[in-house]
Amino acid sequence: IIPLPHAPTISSMGSTSDPTSDAVRAYKEMSRFRESIQ
């Protein structure tokens, strides 16, 4: 599962508390993919 933003970590993508940030959106969708595959 690969996030679209070119970044080494989730937190380096942006704010982890702002729901509109790249970090939060990427983490939520990555988690959704993982749970769907499970």
ModelCIF file with pLDDT and N, C-alpha, C, O atoms, coordinates in Angstrom:
data_MODEL
#
_entry.id   MODEL 
#
_entity.id                         1 
_entity.type                       polymer 
_entity.pdbx_number_of_molecules   1 
#
_entity_poly.entity_id                      1 
_entity_poly.type                           'polypeptide(L)' 
_entity_poly.nstd_linkage                   no 
_entity_poly.nstd_monomer                   no 
_entity_poly.pdbx_seq_one_letter_code       IIPLPHAPTISSMGSTSDPTSDAVRAYKEMSRFRESIQ 
_entity_poly.pdbx_seq_one_letter_code_can   IIPLPHAPTISSMGSTSDPTSDAVRAYKEMSRFRESIQ 
_entity_poly.pdbx_strand_id                 A 
#
loop_
_entity_poly_seq.entity_id 
_entity_poly_seq.num 
_entity_poly_seq.mon_id 
_entity_poly_seq.hetero 
1 1  ILE n 
1 2  ILE n 
1 3  PRO n 
1 4  LEU n 
1 5  PRO n 
1 6  HIS n 
1 7  ALA n 
1 8  PRO n 
1 9  THR n 
1 10 ILE n 
1 11 SER n 
1 12 SER n 
1 13 MET n 
1 14 GLY n 
1 15 SER n 
1 16 THR n 
1 17 SER n 
1 18 ASP n 
1 19 PRO n 
1 20 THR n 
1 21 SER n 
1 22 ASP n 
1 23 ALA n 
1 24 VAL n 
1 25 ARG n 
1 26 ALA n 
1 27 TYR n 
1 28 LYS n 
1 29 GLU n 
1 30 MET n 
1 31 SER n 
1 32 ARG n 
1 33 PHE n 
1 34 ARG n 
1 35 GLU n 
1 36 SER n 
1 37 ILE n 
1 38 GLN n 
#
_struct_asym.id          A 
_struct_asym.entity_id   1 
#
loop_
_ma_qa_metric.id 
_ma_qa_metric.mode 
_ma_qa_metric.name 
_ma_qa_metric.software_group_id 
_ma_qa_metric.type 
1 global pLDDT . pLDDT 
2 local  pLDDT . pLDDT 
#
_ma_qa_metric_global.metric_id      1 
_ma_qa_metric_global.metric_value   92.39 
_ma_qa_metric_global.model_id       1 
_ma_qa_metric_global.ordinal_id     1 
#
loop_
_ma_qa_metric_local.label_asym_id 
_ma_qa_metric_local.label_comp_id 
_ma_qa_metric_local.label_seq_id 
_ma_qa_metric_local.metric_id 
_ma_qa_metric_local.metric_value 
_ma_qa_metric_local.model_id 
_ma_qa_metric_local.ordinal_id 
A ILE 1  2 96.00 1 1  
A ILE 2  2 94.00 1 2  
A PRO 3  2 92.00 1 3  
A LEU 4  2 86.00 1 4  
A PRO 5  2 86.00 1 5  
A HIS 6  2 87.00 1 6  
A ALA 7  2 89.00 1 7  
A PRO 8  2 91.00 1 8  
A THR 9  2 93.00 1 9  
A ILE 10 2 93.00 1 10 
A SER 11 2 91.00 1 11 
A SER 12 2 91.00 1 12 
A MET 13 2 90.00 1 13 
A GLY 14 2 89.00 1 14 
A SER 15 2 91.00 1 15 
A THR 16 2 91.00 1 16 
A SER 17 2 90.00 1 17 
A ASP 18 2 91.00 1 18 
A PRO 19 2 91.00 1 19 
A THR 20 2 89.00 1 20 
A SER 21 2 90.00 1 21 
A ASP 22 2 89.00 1 22 
A ALA 23 2 92.00 1 23 
A VAL 24 2 94.00 1 24 
A ARG 25 2 92.00 1 25 
A ALA 26 2 93.00 1 26 
A TYR 27 2 95.00 1 27 
A LYS 28 2 95.00 1 28 
A GLU 29 2 95.00 1 29 
A MET 30 2 96.00 1 30 
A SER 31 2 96.00 1 31 
A ARG 32 2 96.00 1 32 
A PHE 33 2 96.00 1 33 
A ARG 34 2 96.00 1 34 
A GLU 35 2 96.00 1 35 
A SER 36 2 96.00 1 36 
A ILE 37 2 97.00 1 37 
A GLN 38 2 96.00 1 38 
#
loop_
_atom_site.group_PDB 
_atom_site.id 
_atom_site.type_symbol 
_atom_site.label_atom_id 
_atom_site.label_alt_id 
_atom_site.label_comp_id 
_atom_site.label_asym_id 
_atom_site.label_entity_id 
_atom_site.label_seq_id 
_atom_site.pdbx_PDB_ins_code 
_atom_site.Cartn_x 
_atom_site.Cartn_y 
_atom_site.Cartn_z 
_atom_site.occupancy 
_atom_site.B_iso_or_equiv 
_atom_site.pdbx_formal_charge 
_atom_site.auth_seq_id 
_atom_site.auth_comp_id 
_atom_site.auth_asym_id 
_atom_site.auth_atom_id 
_atom_site.pdbx_PDB_model_num 
ATOM 1   N N  . ILE A 1 1  ? 0.873   -1.177 0.000  1.00 96.00 ? 1  ILE A N  1 
ATOM 2   C CA . ILE A 1 1  ? 0.000   0.000  0.000  1.00 96.00 ? 1  ILE A CA 1 
ATOM 3   C C  . ILE A 1 1  ? 0.908   1.224  0.000  1.00 96.00 ? 1  ILE A C  1 
ATOM 4   O O  . ILE A 1 1  ? 1.748   1.385  0.885  1.00 96.00 ? 1  ILE A O  1 
ATOM 5   N N  . ILE A 1 2  ? 0.733   2.081  -0.996 1.00 94.00 ? 2  ILE A N  1 
ATOM 6   C CA . ILE A 1 2  ? 1.668   3.187  -1.221 1.00 94.00 ? 2  ILE A CA 1 
ATOM 7   C C  . ILE A 1 2  ? 0.910   4.513  -1.234 1.00 94.00 ? 2  ILE A C  1 
ATOM 8   O O  . ILE A 1 2  ? 0.012   4.692  -2.057 1.00 94.00 ? 2  ILE A O  1 
ATOM 9   N N  . PRO A 1 3  ? 1.248   5.443  -0.346 1.00 92.00 ? 3  PRO A N  1 
ATOM 10  C CA . PRO A 1 3  ? 0.598   6.762  -0.381 1.00 92.00 ? 3  PRO A CA 1 
ATOM 11  C C  . PRO A 1 3  ? 1.068   7.547  -1.602 1.00 92.00 ? 3  PRO A C  1 
ATOM 12  O O  . PRO A 1 3  ? 2.203   7.375  -2.048 1.00 92.00 ? 3  PRO A O  1 
ATOM 13  N N  . LEU A 1 4  ? 0.219   8.395  -2.137 1.00 86.00 ? 4  LEU A N  1 
ATOM 14  C CA . LEU A 1 4  ? 0.596   9.186  -3.311 1.00 86.00 ? 4  LEU A CA 1 
ATOM 15  C C  . LEU A 1 4  ? 1.644   10.253 -2.999 1.00 86.00 ? 4  LEU A C  1 
ATOM 16  O O  . LEU A 1 4  ? 2.553   10.449 -3.805 1.00 86.00 ? 4  LEU A O  1 
ATOM 17  N N  . PRO A 1 5  ? 1.558   10.958 -1.854 1.00 86.00 ? 5  PRO A N  1 
ATOM 18  C CA . PRO A 1 5  ? 2.595   11.964 -1.575 1.00 86.00 ? 5  PRO A CA 1 
ATOM 19  C C  . PRO A 1 5  ? 3.970   11.321 -1.442 1.00 86.00 ? 5  PRO A C  1 
ATOM 20  O O  . PRO A 1 5  ? 4.113   10.253 -0.846 1.00 86.00 ? 5  PRO A O  1 
ATOM 21  N N  . HIS A 1 6  ? 4.972   11.979 -2.001 1.00 87.00 ? 6  HIS A N  1 
ATOM 22  C CA . HIS A 1 6  ? 6.348   11.485 -1.932 1.00 87.00 ? 6  HIS A CA 1 
ATOM 23  C C  . HIS A 1 6  ? 6.934   11.921 -0.594 1.00 87.00 ? 6  HIS A C  1 
ATOM 24  O O  . HIS A 1 6  ? 7.408   13.050 -0.462 1.00 87.00 ? 6  HIS A O  1 
ATOM 25  N N  . ALA A 1 7  ? 6.904   11.036 0.393  1.00 89.00 ? 7  ALA A N  1 
ATOM 26  C CA . ALA A 1 7  ? 7.342   11.389 1.742  1.00 89.00 ? 7  ALA A CA 1 
ATOM 27  C C  . ALA A 1 7  ? 7.841   10.133 2.450  1.00 89.00 ? 7  ALA A C  1 
ATOM 28  O O  . ALA A 1 7  ? 7.355   9.037  2.171  1.00 89.00 ? 7  ALA A O  1 
ATOM 29  N N  . PRO A 1 8  ? 8.811   10.275 3.370  1.00 91.00 ? 8  PRO A N  1 
ATOM 30  C CA . PRO A 1 8  ? 9.388   9.106  4.052  1.00 91.00 ? 8  PRO A CA 1 
ATOM 31  C C  . PRO A 1 8  ? 8.518   8.556  5.173  1.00 91.00 ? 8  PRO A C  1 
ATOM 32  O O  . PRO A 1 8  ? 8.605   7.371  5.496  1.00 91.00 ? 8  PRO A O  1 
ATOM 33  N N  . THR A 1 9  ? 7.685   9.394  5.766  1.00 93.00 ? 9  THR A N  1 
ATOM 34  C CA . THR A 1 9  ? 6.831   8.979  6.878  1.00 93.00 ? 9  THR A CA 1 
ATOM 35  C C  . THR A 1 9  ? 5.473   9.654  6.748  1.00 93.00 ? 9  THR A C  1 
ATOM 36  O O  . THR A 1 9  ? 5.318   10.626 6.009  1.00 93.00 ? 9  THR A O  1 
ATOM 37  N N  . ILE A 1 10 ? 4.497   9.131  7.471  1.00 93.00 ? 10 ILE A N  1 
ATOM 38  C CA . ILE A 1 10 ? 3.176   9.766  7.463  1.00 93.00 ? 10 ILE A CA 1 
ATOM 39  C C  . ILE A 1 10 ? 3.248   11.180 8.007  1.00 93.00 ? 10 ILE A C  1 
ATOM 40  O O  . ILE A 1 10 ? 2.692   12.105 7.414  1.00 93.00 ? 10 ILE A O  1 
ATOM 41  N N  . SER A 1 11 ? 3.933   11.355 9.139  1.00 91.00 ? 11 SER A N  1 
ATOM 42  C CA . SER A 1 11 ? 3.949   12.674 9.771  1.00 91.00 ? 11 SER A CA 1 
ATOM 43  C C  . SER A 1 11 ? 4.692   13.715 8.945  1.00 91.00 ? 11 SER A C  1 
ATOM 44  O O  . SER A 1 11 ? 4.479   14.913 9.132  1.00 91.00 ? 11 SER A O  1 
ATOM 45  N N  . SER A 1 12 ? 5.573   13.275 8.022  1.00 91.00 ? 12 SER A N  1 
ATOM 46  C CA . SER A 1 12 ? 6.274   14.250 7.176  1.00 91.00 ? 12 SER A CA 1 
ATOM 47  C C  . SER A 1 12 ? 5.393   14.774 6.047  1.00 91.00 ? 12 SER A C  1 
ATOM 48  O O  . SER A 1 12 ? 5.782   15.700 5.335  1.00 91.00 ? 12 SER A O  1 
ATOM 49  N N  . MET A 1 13 ? 4.204   14.186 5.878  1.00 90.00 ? 13 MET A N  1 
ATOM 50  C CA . MET A 1 13 ? 3.277   14.652 4.839  1.00 90.00 ? 13 MET A CA 1 
ATOM 51  C C  . MET A 1 13 ? 2.511   15.894 5.258  1.00 90.00 ? 13 MET A C  1 
ATOM 52  O O  . MET A 1 13 ? 1.929   16.576 4.414  1.00 90.00 ? 13 MET A O  1 
ATOM 53  N N  . GLY A 1 14 ? 2.502   16.199 6.555  1.00 89.00 ? 14 GLY A N  1 
ATOM 54  C CA . GLY A 1 14 ? 1.752   17.355 7.024  1.00 89.00 ? 14 GLY A CA 1 
ATOM 55  C C  . GLY A 1 14 ? 1.191   17.110 8.412  1.00 89.00 ? 14 GLY A C  1 
ATOM 56  O O  . GLY A 1 14 ? 1.576   16.162 9.096  1.00 89.00 ? 14 GLY A O  1 
ATOM 57  N N  . SER A 1 15 ? 0.290   17.966 8.810  1.00 91.00 ? 15 SER A N  1 
ATOM 58  C CA . SER A 1 15 ? -0.300  17.881 10.136 1.00 91.00 ? 15 SER A CA 1 
ATOM 59  C C  . SER A 1 15 ? -1.019  16.552 10.326 1.00 91.00 ? 15 SER A C  1 
ATOM 60  O O  . SER A 1 15 ? -1.736  16.091 9.437  1.00 91.00 ? 15 SER A O  1 
ATOM 61  N N  . THR A 1 16 ? -0.821  15.936 11.497 1.00 91.00 ? 16 THR A N  1 
ATOM 62  C CA . THR A 1 16 ? -1.517  14.685 11.806 1.00 91.00 ? 16 THR A CA 1 
ATOM 63  C C  . THR A 1 16 ? -2.777  14.925 12.622 1.00 91.00 ? 16 THR A C  1 
ATOM 64  O O  . THR A 1 16 ? -3.447  13.978 13.033 1.00 91.00 ? 16 THR A O  1 
ATOM 65  N N  . SER A 1 17 ? -3.100  16.200 12.857 1.00 90.00 ? 17 SER A N  1 
ATOM 66  C CA . SER A 1 17 ? -4.317  16.523 13.601 1.00 90.00 ? 17 SER A CA 1 
ATOM 67  C C  . SER A 1 17 ? -5.353  17.244 12.750 1.00 90.00 ? 17 SER A C  1 
ATOM 68  O O  . SER A 1 17 ? -6.528  17.306 13.111 1.00 90.00 ? 17 SER A O  1 
ATOM 69  N N  . ASP A 1 18 ? -4.911  17.792 11.609 1.00 91.00 ? 18 ASP A N  1 
ATOM 70  C CA . ASP A 1 18 ? -5.830  18.488 10.700 1.00 91.00 ? 18 ASP A CA 1 
ATOM 71  C C  . ASP A 1 18 ? -6.465  17.456 9.762  1.00 91.00 ? 18 ASP A C  1 
ATOM 72  O O  . ASP A 1 18 ? -5.754  16.848 8.961  1.00 91.00 ? 18 ASP A O  1 
ATOM 73  N N  . PRO A 1 19 ? -7.776  17.246 9.840  1.00 91.00 ? 19 PRO A N  1 
ATOM 74  C CA . PRO A 1 19 ? -8.414  16.202 9.012  1.00 91.00 ? 19 PRO A CA 1 
ATOM 75  C C  . PRO A 1 19 ? -8.323  16.448 7.512  1.00 91.00 ? 19 PRO A C  1 
ATOM 76  O O  . PRO A 1 19 ? -8.573  15.538 6.722  1.00 91.00 ? 19 PRO A O  1 
ATOM 77  N N  . THR A 1 20 ? -7.967  17.673 7.106  1.00 89.00 ? 20 THR A N  1 
ATOM 78  C CA . THR A 1 20 ? -7.868  17.974 5.674  1.00 89.00 ? 20 THR A CA 1 
ATOM 79  C C  . THR A 1 20 ? -6.445  17.809 5.145  1.00 89.00 ? 20 THR A C  1 
ATOM 80  O O  . THR A 1 20 ? -6.220  17.959 3.944  1.00 89.00 ? 20 THR A O  1 
ATOM 81  N N  . SER A 1 21 ? -5.486  17.505 6.010  1.00 90.00 ? 21 SER A N  1 
ATOM 82  C CA . SER A 1 21 ? -4.089  17.429 5.574  1.00 90.00 ? 21 SER A CA 1 
ATOM 83  C C  . SER A 1 21 ? -3.827  16.161 4.768  1.00 90.00 ? 21 SER A C  1 
ATOM 84  O O  . SER A 1 21 ? -4.579  15.189 4.845  1.00 90.00 ? 21 SER A O  1 
ATOM 85  N N  . ASP A 1 22 ? -2.738  16.191 3.988  1.00 89.00 ? 22 ASP A N  1 
ATOM 86  C CA . ASP A 1 22 ? -2.340  15.019 3.207  1.00 89.00 ? 22 ASP A CA 1 
ATOM 87  C C  . ASP A 1 22 ? -2.071  13.830 4.122  1.00 89.00 ? 22 ASP A C  1 
ATOM 88  O O  . ASP A 1 22 ? -2.412  12.696 3.788  1.00 89.00 ? 22 ASP A O  1 
ATOM 89  N N  . ALA A 1 23 ? -1.453  14.091 5.287  1.00 92.00 ? 23 ALA A N  1 
ATOM 90  C CA . ALA A 1 23 ? -1.096  13.018 6.196  1.00 92.00 ? 23 ALA A CA 1 
ATOM 91  C C  . ALA A 1 23 ? -2.324  12.262 6.689  1.00 92.00 ? 23 ALA A C  1 
ATOM 92  O O  . ALA A 1 23 ? -2.356  11.032 6.667  1.00 92.00 ? 23 ALA A O  1 
ATOM 93  N N  . VAL A 1 24 ? -3.328  13.000 7.132  1.00 94.00 ? 24 VAL A N  1 
ATOM 94  C CA . VAL A 1 24 ? -4.530  12.363 7.675  1.00 94.00 ? 24 VAL A CA 1 
ATOM 95  C C  . VAL A 1 24 ? -5.297  11.629 6.585  1.00 94.00 ? 24 VAL A C  1 
ATOM 96  O O  . VAL A 1 24 ? -5.739  10.497 6.781  1.00 94.00 ? 24 VAL A O  1 
ATOM 97  N N  . ARG A 1 25 ? -5.452  12.278 5.438  1.00 92.00 ? 25 ARG A N  1 
ATOM 98  C CA . ARG A 1 25 ? -6.201  11.647 4.343  1.00 92.00 ? 25 ARG A CA 1 
ATOM 99  C C  . ARG A 1 25 ? -5.498  10.377 3.860  1.00 92.00 ? 25 ARG A C  1 
ATOM 100 O O  . ARG A 1 25 ? -6.142  9.359  3.610  1.00 92.00 ? 25 ARG A O  1 
ATOM 101 N N  . ALA A 1 26 ? -4.156  10.448 3.731  1.00 93.00 ? 26 ALA A N  1 
ATOM 102 C CA . ALA A 1 26 ? -3.411  9.274  3.267  1.00 93.00 ? 26 ALA A CA 1 
ATOM 103 C C  . ALA A 1 26 ? -3.515  8.142  4.285  1.00 93.00 ? 26 ALA A C  1 
ATOM 104 O O  . ALA A 1 26 ? -3.756  6.995  3.908  1.00 93.00 ? 26 ALA A O  1 
ATOM 105 N N  . TYR A 1 27 ? -3.338  8.448  5.570  1.00 95.00 ? 27 TYR A N  1 
ATOM 106 C CA . TYR A 1 27 ? -3.378  7.422  6.605  1.00 95.00 ? 27 TYR A CA 1 
ATOM 107 C C  . TYR A 1 27 ? -4.740  6.736  6.661  1.00 95.00 ? 27 TYR A C  1 
ATOM 108 O O  . TYR A 1 27 ? -4.824  5.516  6.807  1.00 95.00 ? 27 TYR A O  1 
ATOM 109 N N  . LYS A 1 28 ? -5.795  7.521  6.546  1.00 95.00 ? 28 LYS A N  1 
ATOM 110 C CA . LYS A 1 28 ? -7.140  6.944  6.606  1.00 95.00 ? 28 LYS A CA 1 
ATOM 111 C C  . LYS A 1 28 ? -7.395  6.014  5.422  1.00 95.00 ? 28 LYS A C  1 
ATOM 112 O O  . LYS A 1 28 ? -7.966  4.936  5.585  1.00 95.00 ? 28 LYS A O  1 
ATOM 113 N N  . GLU A 1 29 ? -6.969  6.435  4.226  1.00 95.00 ? 29 GLU A N  1 
ATOM 114 C CA . GLU A 1 29 ? -7.243  5.582  3.069  1.00 95.00 ? 29 GLU A CA 1 
ATOM 115 C C  . GLU A 1 29 ? -6.328  4.362  3.052  1.00 95.00 ? 29 GLU A C  1 
ATOM 116 O O  . GLU A 1 29 ? -6.751  3.287  2.627  1.00 95.00 ? 29 GLU A O  1 
ATOM 117 N N  . MET A 1 30 ? -5.085  4.506  3.505  1.00 96.00 ? 30 MET A N  1 
ATOM 118 C CA . MET A 1 30 ? -4.211  3.340  3.603  1.00 96.00 ? 30 MET A CA 1 
ATOM 119 C C  . MET A 1 30 ? -4.807  2.326  4.575  1.00 96.00 ? 30 MET A C  1 
ATOM 120 O O  . MET A 1 30 ? -4.798  1.125  4.307  1.00 96.00 ? 30 MET A O  1 
ATOM 121 N N  . SER A 1 31 ? -5.323  2.808  5.699  1.00 96.00 ? 31 SER A N  1 
ATOM 122 C CA . SER A 1 31 ? -5.954  1.921  6.675  1.00 96.00 ? 31 SER A CA 1 
ATOM 123 C C  . SER A 1 31 ? -7.194  1.259  6.091  1.00 96.00 ? 31 SER A C  1 
ATOM 124 O O  . SER A 1 31 ? -7.469  0.088  6.355  1.00 96.00 ? 31 SER A O  1 
ATOM 125 N N  . ARG A 1 32 ? -7.936  2.019  5.298  1.00 96.00 ? 32 ARG A N  1 
ATOM 126 C CA . ARG A 1 32 ? -9.147  1.463  4.683  1.00 96.00 ? 32 ARG A CA 1 
ATOM 127 C C  . ARG A 1 32 ? -8.797  0.354  3.706  1.00 96.00 ? 32 ARG A C  1 
ATOM 128 O O  . ARG A 1 32 ? -9.474  -0.673 3.664  1.00 96.00 ? 32 ARG A O  1 
ATOM 129 N N  . PHE A 1 33 ? -7.733  0.552  2.910  1.00 96.00 ? 33 PHE A N  1 
ATOM 130 C CA . PHE A 1 33 ? -7.289  -0.496 1.994  1.00 96.00 ? 33 PHE A CA 1 
ATOM 131 C C  . PHE A 1 33 ? -6.854  -1.740 2.786  1.00 96.00 ? 33 PHE A C  1 
ATOM 132 O O  . PHE A 1 33 ? -7.215  -2.862 2.431  1.00 96.00 ? 33 PHE A O  1 
ATOM 133 N N  . ARG A 1 34 ? -6.076  -1.535 3.863  1.00 96.00 ? 34 ARG A N  1 
ATOM 134 C CA . ARG A 1 34 ? -5.612  -2.667 4.653  1.00 96.00 ? 34 ARG A CA 1 
ATOM 135 C C  . ARG A 1 34 ? -6.787  -3.454 5.217  1.00 96.00 ? 34 ARG A C  1 
ATOM 136 O O  . ARG A 1 34 ? -6.804  -4.684 5.158  1.00 96.00 ? 34 ARG A O  1 
ATOM 137 N N  . GLU A 1 35 ? -7.757  -2.749 5.759  1.00 96.00 ? 35 GLU A N  1 
ATOM 138 C CA . GLU A 1 35 ? -8.910  -3.423 6.353  1.00 96.00 ? 35 GLU A CA 1 
ATOM 139 C C  . GLU A 1 35 ? -9.755  -4.128 5.290  1.00 96.00 ? 35 GLU A C  1 
ATOM 140 O O  . GLU A 1 35 ? -10.317 -5.192 5.550  1.00 96.00 ? 35 GLU A O  1 
ATOM 141 N N  . SER A 1 36 ? -9.843  -3.545 4.107  1.00 96.00 ? 36 SER A N  1 
ATOM 142 C CA . SER A 1 36 ? -10.615 -4.173 3.021  1.00 96.00 ? 36 SER A CA 1 
ATOM 143 C C  . SER A 1 36 ? -9.951  -5.457 2.556  1.00 96.00 ? 36 SER A C  1 
ATOM 144 O O  . SER A 1 36 ? -10.626 -6.457 2.311  1.00 96.00 ? 36 SER A O  1 
ATOM 145 N N  . ILE A 1 37 ? -8.625  -5.431 2.433  1.00 97.00 ? 37 ILE A N  1 
ATOM 146 C CA . ILE A 1 37 ? -7.898  -6.639 2.030  1.00 97.00 ? 37 ILE A CA 1 
ATOM 147 C C  . ILE A 1 37 ? -8.025  -7.717 3.105  1.00 97.00 ? 37 ILE A C  1 
ATOM 148 O O  . ILE A 1 37 ? -8.206  -8.893 2.789  1.00 97.00 ? 37 ILE A O  1 
ATOM 149 N N  . GLN A 1 38 ? -7.932  -7.317 4.371  1.00 96.00 ? 38 GLN A N  1 
ATOM 150 C CA . GLN A 1 38 ? -8.109  -8.278 5.459  1.00 96.00 ? 38 GLN A CA 1 
ATOM 151 C C  . GLN A 1 38 ? -9.470  -8.964 5.360  1.00 96.00 ? 38 GLN A C  1 
ATOM 152 O O  . GLN A 1 38 ? -9.798  -9.809 6.194  1.00 96.00 ? 38 GLN A O  1 
#
